[in-house]
Amino acid sequence: MEECIFCKIIKGEIPSKTVFEDDIVKVIMDANPNADGHMLILPKKHIEDFTEMDNETLGHIHEVAKKMKELIYNKLDNIEGIVLLNNYGKFQIVKHYHLHILPNGLNSSKGLSIDEVYNKLMN
């Protein structure tokens, strides 16, 4: 079985804009964002979907989501809310669990490049 794209990103085989990383997760900027600040939280262990995940890992992902929400609110302008989104089944394109963080919702405007957003978040 070929290794998934997110496993390759986690191993550093494919470059990404990493916002946060610890022993359990890696948070990256979405390469095809739906909104300025669109991030993905990836568990480092290959887990296809949330039904296979232990509660400790799932809880940790949501603790990291809280930190990313604060980062977004502190560093980006005009943030009115966020959507946490997890696709499952036929809607899950990459079969590696990932939690989307979408500032200002699903149909938000994109006014900045990924590099501009990344630089705002990291400075």
N, C-alpha and C. Protein backbone atom coordinates (compact mmCIF):
# COMPACT_ATOMS: atom_id res chain seq x y z
N MET A 1 0.84 -1.19 0.00
CA MET A 1 0.00 0.00 0.00
C MET A 1 0.88 1.25 0.00
N GLU A 2 0.55 2.17 -0.87
CA GLU A 2 1.31 3.42 -0.96
C GLU A 2 0.98 4.30 0.23
N GLU A 3 2.02 4.95 0.76
CA GLU A 3 1.83 5.83 1.91
C GLU A 3 1.05 7.07 1.50
N CYS A 4 0.18 7.53 2.38
CA CYS A 4 -0.67 8.68 2.06
C CYS A 4 0.13 9.99 2.06
N ILE A 5 -0.44 10.98 1.40
CA ILE A 5 0.23 12.28 1.27
C ILE A 5 0.45 12.93 2.64
N PHE A 6 -0.49 12.77 3.57
CA PHE A 6 -0.31 13.40 4.88
C PHE A 6 0.82 12.72 5.67
N CYS A 7 0.97 11.41 5.53
CA CYS A 7 2.09 10.73 6.19
C CYS A 7 3.42 11.24 5.63
N LYS A 8 3.47 11.49 4.33
CA LYS A 8 4.68 12.03 3.71
C LYS A 8 4.97 13.44 4.20
N ILE A 9 3.93 14.24 4.37
CA ILE A 9 4.10 15.60 4.91
C ILE A 9 4.61 15.52 6.35
N ILE A 10 4.03 14.65 7.15
CA ILE A 10 4.43 14.50 8.55
C ILE A 10 5.90 14.10 8.65
N LYS A 11 6.35 13.23 7.75
CA LYS A 11 7.75 12.77 7.75
C LYS A 11 8.71 13.79 7.13
N GLY A 12 8.18 14.87 6.57
CA GLY A 12 9.03 15.88 5.95
C GLY A 12 9.43 15.54 4.52
N GLU A 13 8.83 14.51 3.94
CA GLU A 13 9.14 14.13 2.56
C GLU A 13 8.50 15.07 1.55
N ILE A 14 7.43 15.73 1.95
CA ILE A 14 6.76 16.76 1.14
C ILE A 14 6.75 18.02 2.00
N PRO A 15 7.20 19.16 1.44
CA PRO A 15 7.23 20.39 2.25
C PRO A 15 5.84 20.88 2.60
N SER A 16 5.76 21.53 3.74
CA SER A 16 4.50 22.13 4.18
C SER A 16 4.82 23.37 5.00
N LYS A 17 3.82 24.19 5.18
CA LYS A 17 3.95 25.35 6.07
C LYS A 17 3.41 24.92 7.42
N THR A 18 4.32 24.53 8.30
CA THR A 18 3.95 24.01 9.62
C THR A 18 3.73 25.17 10.58
N VAL A 19 2.56 25.18 11.20
CA VAL A 19 2.20 26.22 12.16
C VAL A 19 2.51 25.76 13.58
N PHE A 20 2.34 24.46 13.85
CA PHE A 20 2.54 23.90 15.19
C PHE A 20 2.86 22.41 15.03
N GLU A 21 3.69 21.90 15.94
CA GLU A 21 4.00 20.48 15.92
C GLU A 21 4.39 20.03 17.31
N ASP A 22 3.93 18.83 17.68
CA ASP A 22 4.38 18.18 18.90
C ASP A 22 4.50 16.68 18.60
N ASP A 23 4.58 15.86 19.63
CA ASP A 23 4.76 14.42 19.41
C ASP A 23 3.53 13.74 18.81
N ILE A 24 2.36 14.36 18.93
CA ILE A 24 1.11 13.71 18.54
C ILE A 24 0.56 14.26 17.23
N VAL A 25 0.69 15.56 16.98
CA VAL A 25 0.08 16.19 15.81
C VAL A 25 1.05 17.12 15.09
N LYS A 26 0.67 17.42 13.86
CA LYS A 26 1.32 18.46 13.07
C LYS A 26 0.20 19.32 12.50
N VAL A 27 0.33 20.64 12.64
CA VAL A 27 -0.66 21.57 12.10
C VAL A 27 -0.01 22.28 10.92
N ILE A 28 -0.68 22.20 9.75
CA ILE A 28 -0.15 22.80 8.54
C ILE A 28 -1.18 23.73 7.92
N MET A 29 -0.68 24.66 7.11
CA MET A 29 -1.57 25.47 6.29
C MET A 29 -2.11 24.58 5.18
N ASP A 30 -3.39 24.69 4.88
CA ASP A 30 -3.98 23.94 3.78
C ASP A 30 -3.40 24.47 2.47
N ALA A 31 -2.92 23.58 1.61
CA ALA A 31 -2.31 23.99 0.35
C ALA A 31 -3.32 24.58 -0.63
N ASN A 32 -4.59 24.24 -0.46
CA ASN A 32 -5.67 24.77 -1.30
C ASN A 32 -6.74 25.35 -0.38
N PRO A 33 -6.44 26.49 0.25
CA PRO A 33 -7.33 27.00 1.30
C PRO A 33 -8.68 27.47 0.79
N ASN A 34 -9.69 27.27 1.63
CA ASN A 34 -11.03 27.79 1.39
C ASN A 34 -11.20 29.15 2.06
N ALA A 35 -10.24 29.54 2.89
CA ALA A 35 -10.30 30.80 3.63
C ALA A 35 -8.89 31.18 4.05
N ASP A 36 -8.68 32.48 4.26
CA ASP A 36 -7.39 32.91 4.83
C ASP A 36 -7.23 32.27 6.20
N GLY A 37 -6.13 31.59 6.41
CA GLY A 37 -5.87 30.95 7.70
C GLY A 37 -6.35 29.51 7.78
N HIS A 38 -6.82 28.93 6.67
CA HIS A 38 -7.30 27.54 6.66
C HIS A 38 -6.14 26.61 7.00
N MET A 39 -6.31 25.87 8.10
CA MET A 39 -5.28 24.94 8.60
C MET A 39 -5.85 23.53 8.69
N LEU A 40 -4.93 22.57 8.75
CA LEU A 40 -5.29 21.17 8.99
C LEU A 40 -4.51 20.68 10.19
N ILE A 41 -5.19 20.00 11.11
CA ILE A 41 -4.51 19.32 12.22
C ILE A 41 -4.44 17.85 11.84
N LEU A 42 -3.22 17.33 11.75
CA LEU A 42 -2.97 15.95 11.33
C LEU A 42 -2.40 15.15 12.49
N PRO A 43 -3.01 14.04 12.88
CA PRO A 43 -2.33 13.17 13.85
C PRO A 43 -1.12 12.54 13.16
N LYS A 44 -0.02 12.42 13.87
CA LYS A 44 1.18 11.85 13.28
C LYS A 44 1.04 10.35 13.01
N LYS A 45 0.24 9.69 13.81
CA LYS A 45 -0.03 8.28 13.57
C LYS A 45 -1.09 8.20 12.46
N HIS A 46 -0.89 7.31 11.49
CA HIS A 46 -1.88 7.17 10.41
C HIS A 46 -3.15 6.55 10.98
N ILE A 47 -4.17 7.38 11.02
CA ILE A 47 -5.50 6.97 11.48
C ILE A 47 -6.45 7.40 10.38
N GLU A 48 -7.21 6.46 9.83
CA GLU A 48 -8.04 6.80 8.69
C GLU A 48 -9.19 7.72 9.06
N ASP A 49 -9.89 7.43 10.13
CA ASP A 49 -11.00 8.30 10.51
C ASP A 49 -11.18 8.32 12.02
N PHE A 50 -12.03 9.22 12.47
CA PHE A 50 -12.17 9.45 13.91
C PHE A 50 -12.71 8.25 14.66
N THR A 51 -13.40 7.33 13.98
CA THR A 51 -13.94 6.16 14.68
C THR A 51 -12.85 5.18 15.09
N GLU A 52 -11.66 5.31 14.50
CA GLU A 52 -10.52 4.45 14.85
C GLU A 52 -9.61 5.09 15.91
N MET A 53 -9.90 6.32 16.28
CA MET A 53 -9.00 7.09 17.13
C MET A 53 -9.33 6.93 18.61
N ASP A 54 -8.28 6.83 19.42
CA ASP A 54 -8.49 6.77 20.87
C ASP A 54 -8.88 8.17 21.37
N ASN A 55 -9.59 8.19 22.47
CA ASN A 55 -10.12 9.45 23.01
C ASN A 55 -9.01 10.42 23.42
N GLU A 56 -7.88 9.90 23.87
CA GLU A 56 -6.77 10.76 24.28
C GLU A 56 -6.26 11.57 23.08
N THR A 57 -6.07 10.91 21.94
CA THR A 57 -5.60 11.60 20.73
C THR A 57 -6.65 12.59 20.24
N LEU A 58 -7.90 12.17 20.21
CA LEU A 58 -8.97 13.06 19.76
C LEU A 58 -9.07 14.29 20.67
N GLY A 59 -8.95 14.08 21.97
CA GLY A 59 -8.95 15.20 22.91
C GLY A 59 -7.78 16.14 22.69
N HIS A 60 -6.60 15.57 22.42
CA HIS A 60 -5.41 16.38 22.17
C HIS A 60 -5.60 17.23 20.91
N ILE A 61 -6.17 16.64 19.88
CA ILE A 61 -6.41 17.39 18.64
C ILE A 61 -7.29 18.59 18.92
N HIS A 62 -8.30 18.42 19.76
CA HIS A 62 -9.19 19.54 20.07
C HIS A 62 -8.52 20.56 21.00
N GLU A 63 -7.61 20.13 21.85
CA GLU A 63 -6.84 21.10 22.65
C GLU A 63 -5.95 21.94 21.73
N VAL A 64 -5.34 21.31 20.73
CA VAL A 64 -4.52 22.04 19.76
C VAL A 64 -5.41 22.98 18.95
N ALA A 65 -6.63 22.54 18.60
CA ALA A 65 -7.56 23.41 17.87
C ALA A 65 -7.85 24.68 18.67
N LYS A 66 -7.98 24.56 19.98
CA LYS A 66 -8.18 25.75 20.83
C LYS A 66 -7.01 26.71 20.70
N LYS A 67 -5.79 26.18 20.72
CA LYS A 67 -4.59 27.01 20.59
C LYS A 67 -4.55 27.69 19.22
N MET A 68 -4.93 26.94 18.18
CA MET A 68 -4.92 27.52 16.83
C MET A 68 -6.00 28.59 16.68
N LYS A 69 -7.13 28.40 17.33
CA LYS A 69 -8.19 29.42 17.33
C LYS A 69 -7.66 30.71 17.94
N GLU A 70 -6.96 30.60 19.06
CA GLU A 70 -6.39 31.80 19.70
C GLU A 70 -5.36 32.45 18.80
N LEU A 71 -4.52 31.66 18.15
CA LEU A 71 -3.51 32.19 17.23
C LEU A 71 -4.19 32.96 16.09
N ILE A 72 -5.22 32.35 15.51
CA ILE A 72 -5.94 32.99 14.41
C ILE A 72 -6.56 34.31 14.87
N TYR A 73 -7.22 34.29 16.02
CA TYR A 73 -7.87 35.51 16.52
C TYR A 73 -6.85 36.60 16.85
N ASN A 74 -5.67 36.21 17.33
CA ASN A 74 -4.65 37.19 17.70
C ASN A 74 -3.86 37.73 16.52
N LYS A 75 -3.73 36.96 15.45
CA LYS A 75 -2.82 37.34 14.37
C LYS A 75 -3.49 37.77 13.07
N LEU A 76 -4.73 37.33 12.84
CA LEU A 76 -5.40 37.68 11.59
C LEU A 76 -6.48 38.73 11.84
N ASP A 77 -6.77 39.50 10.82
CA ASP A 77 -7.74 40.59 10.94
C ASP A 77 -9.14 40.11 10.59
N ASN A 78 -10.13 40.76 11.21
CA ASN A 78 -11.54 40.58 10.87
C ASN A 78 -12.04 39.14 11.00
N ILE A 79 -11.59 38.45 12.02
CA ILE A 79 -12.05 37.08 12.25
C ILE A 79 -13.32 37.16 13.11
N GLU A 80 -14.39 36.58 12.59
CA GLU A 80 -15.67 36.60 13.28
C GLU A 80 -16.05 35.25 13.87
N GLY A 81 -15.32 34.22 13.50
CA GLY A 81 -15.59 32.88 13.99
C GLY A 81 -14.77 31.86 13.22
N ILE A 82 -14.84 30.62 13.65
CA ILE A 82 -14.17 29.54 12.93
C ILE A 82 -15.12 28.35 12.81
N VAL A 83 -14.85 27.53 11.81
CA VAL A 83 -15.54 26.27 11.65
C VAL A 83 -14.50 25.17 11.80
N LEU A 84 -14.83 24.18 12.63
CA LEU A 84 -14.02 22.97 12.71
C LEU A 84 -14.74 21.93 11.88
N LEU A 85 -14.05 21.33 10.92
CA LEU A 85 -14.69 20.43 9.97
C LEU A 85 -13.88 19.15 9.82
N ASN A 86 -14.58 18.03 9.89
CA ASN A 86 -13.97 16.72 9.63
C ASN A 86 -14.84 15.99 8.63
N ASN A 87 -14.29 15.70 7.47
CA ASN A 87 -15.02 14.92 6.47
C ASN A 87 -14.86 13.44 6.76
N TYR A 88 -15.89 12.68 6.47
CA TYR A 88 -15.89 11.25 6.77
C TYR A 88 -16.52 10.50 5.60
N GLY A 89 -16.04 9.28 5.36
CA GLY A 89 -16.62 8.46 4.30
C GLY A 89 -16.28 8.99 2.93
N LYS A 90 -17.27 9.03 2.04
CA LYS A 90 -17.01 9.44 0.66
C LYS A 90 -16.59 10.90 0.55
N PHE A 91 -16.85 11.70 1.58
CA PHE A 91 -16.46 13.11 1.56
C PHE A 91 -15.00 13.32 1.98
N GLN A 92 -14.37 12.28 2.50
CA GLN A 92 -12.99 12.36 2.97
C GLN A 92 -12.07 12.02 1.81
N ILE A 93 -11.46 13.03 1.20
CA ILE A 93 -10.61 12.82 0.02
C ILE A 93 -9.33 12.10 0.40
N VAL A 94 -8.61 12.60 1.40
CA VAL A 94 -7.40 11.93 1.88
C VAL A 94 -7.79 11.06 3.06
N LYS A 95 -7.51 9.78 2.96
CA LYS A 95 -7.94 8.82 3.99
C LYS A 95 -6.94 8.78 5.15
N HIS A 96 -6.72 9.95 5.73
CA HIS A 96 -5.91 10.13 6.95
C HIS A 96 -6.67 11.21 7.71
N TYR A 97 -7.12 10.90 8.92
CA TYR A 97 -7.91 11.85 9.69
C TYR A 97 -7.24 13.22 9.67
N HIS A 98 -8.02 14.26 9.45
CA HIS A 98 -7.53 15.63 9.57
C HIS A 98 -8.71 16.53 9.93
N LEU A 99 -8.42 17.45 10.82
CA LEU A 99 -9.42 18.41 11.26
C LEU A 99 -9.12 19.74 10.59
N HIS A 100 -10.08 20.24 9.81
CA HIS A 100 -9.95 21.55 9.17
C HIS A 100 -10.30 22.63 10.18
N ILE A 101 -9.52 23.69 10.17
CA ILE A 101 -9.84 24.91 10.91
C ILE A 101 -10.06 25.98 9.85
N LEU A 102 -11.29 26.47 9.76
CA LEU A 102 -11.67 27.42 8.72
C LEU A 102 -12.10 28.74 9.37
N PRO A 103 -11.21 29.73 9.39
CA PRO A 103 -11.61 31.03 9.91
C PRO A 103 -12.75 31.62 9.07
N ASN A 104 -13.74 32.16 9.74
CA ASN A 104 -14.89 32.81 9.12
C ASN A 104 -15.73 31.86 8.27
N GLY A 105 -15.61 30.57 8.46
CA GLY A 105 -16.54 29.65 7.85
C GLY A 105 -16.14 29.05 6.53
N LEU A 106 -17.07 28.31 5.96
CA LEU A 106 -16.80 27.54 4.75
C LEU A 106 -16.66 28.38 3.50
N ASN A 107 -17.38 29.47 3.41
CA ASN A 107 -17.40 30.27 2.19
C ASN A 107 -16.75 31.63 2.41
N SER A 108 -15.67 31.64 3.17
CA SER A 108 -14.98 32.88 3.48
C SER A 108 -14.19 33.37 2.27
N SER A 109 -13.88 34.63 2.30
CA SER A 109 -13.06 35.19 1.22
C SER A 109 -11.58 34.86 1.47
N LYS A 110 -10.86 34.80 0.38
CA LYS A 110 -9.42 34.64 0.43
C LYS A 110 -8.79 35.89 -0.17
N GLY A 111 -8.21 36.70 0.68
CA GLY A 111 -7.62 37.93 0.19
C GLY A 111 -6.10 37.92 0.21
N LEU A 112 -5.53 36.97 0.92
CA LEU A 112 -4.08 36.90 1.08
C LEU A 112 -3.54 35.61 0.50
N SER A 113 -2.27 35.62 0.15
CA SER A 113 -1.62 34.38 -0.28
C SER A 113 -1.34 33.51 0.95
N ILE A 114 -1.09 32.24 0.72
CA ILE A 114 -0.74 31.34 1.84
C ILE A 114 0.50 31.86 2.55
N ASP A 115 1.48 32.34 1.79
CA ASP A 115 2.71 32.87 2.41
C ASP A 115 2.41 34.08 3.29
N GLU A 116 1.53 34.97 2.83
CA GLU A 116 1.19 36.15 3.62
C GLU A 116 0.49 35.76 4.92
N VAL A 117 -0.44 34.82 4.84
CA VAL A 117 -1.14 34.35 6.03
C VAL A 117 -0.16 33.67 6.98
N TYR A 118 0.68 32.80 6.44
CA TYR A 118 1.66 32.08 7.26
C TYR A 118 2.58 33.04 8.00
N ASN A 119 3.05 34.05 7.28
CA ASN A 119 3.94 35.05 7.91
C ASN A 119 3.23 35.81 9.01
N LYS A 120 1.96 36.14 8.84
CA LYS A 120 1.20 36.82 9.89
C LYS A 120 1.07 35.92 11.12
N LEU A 121 0.78 34.63 10.89
CA LEU A 121 0.59 33.71 12.00
C LEU A 121 1.87 33.45 12.77
N MET A 122 2.99 33.43 12.07
CA MET A 122 4.25 33.03 12.69
C MET A 122 5.05 34.20 13.25
N ASN A 123 4.63 35.43 12.97
CA ASN A 123 5.36 36.61 13.48
C ASN A 123 4.63 37.26 14.62
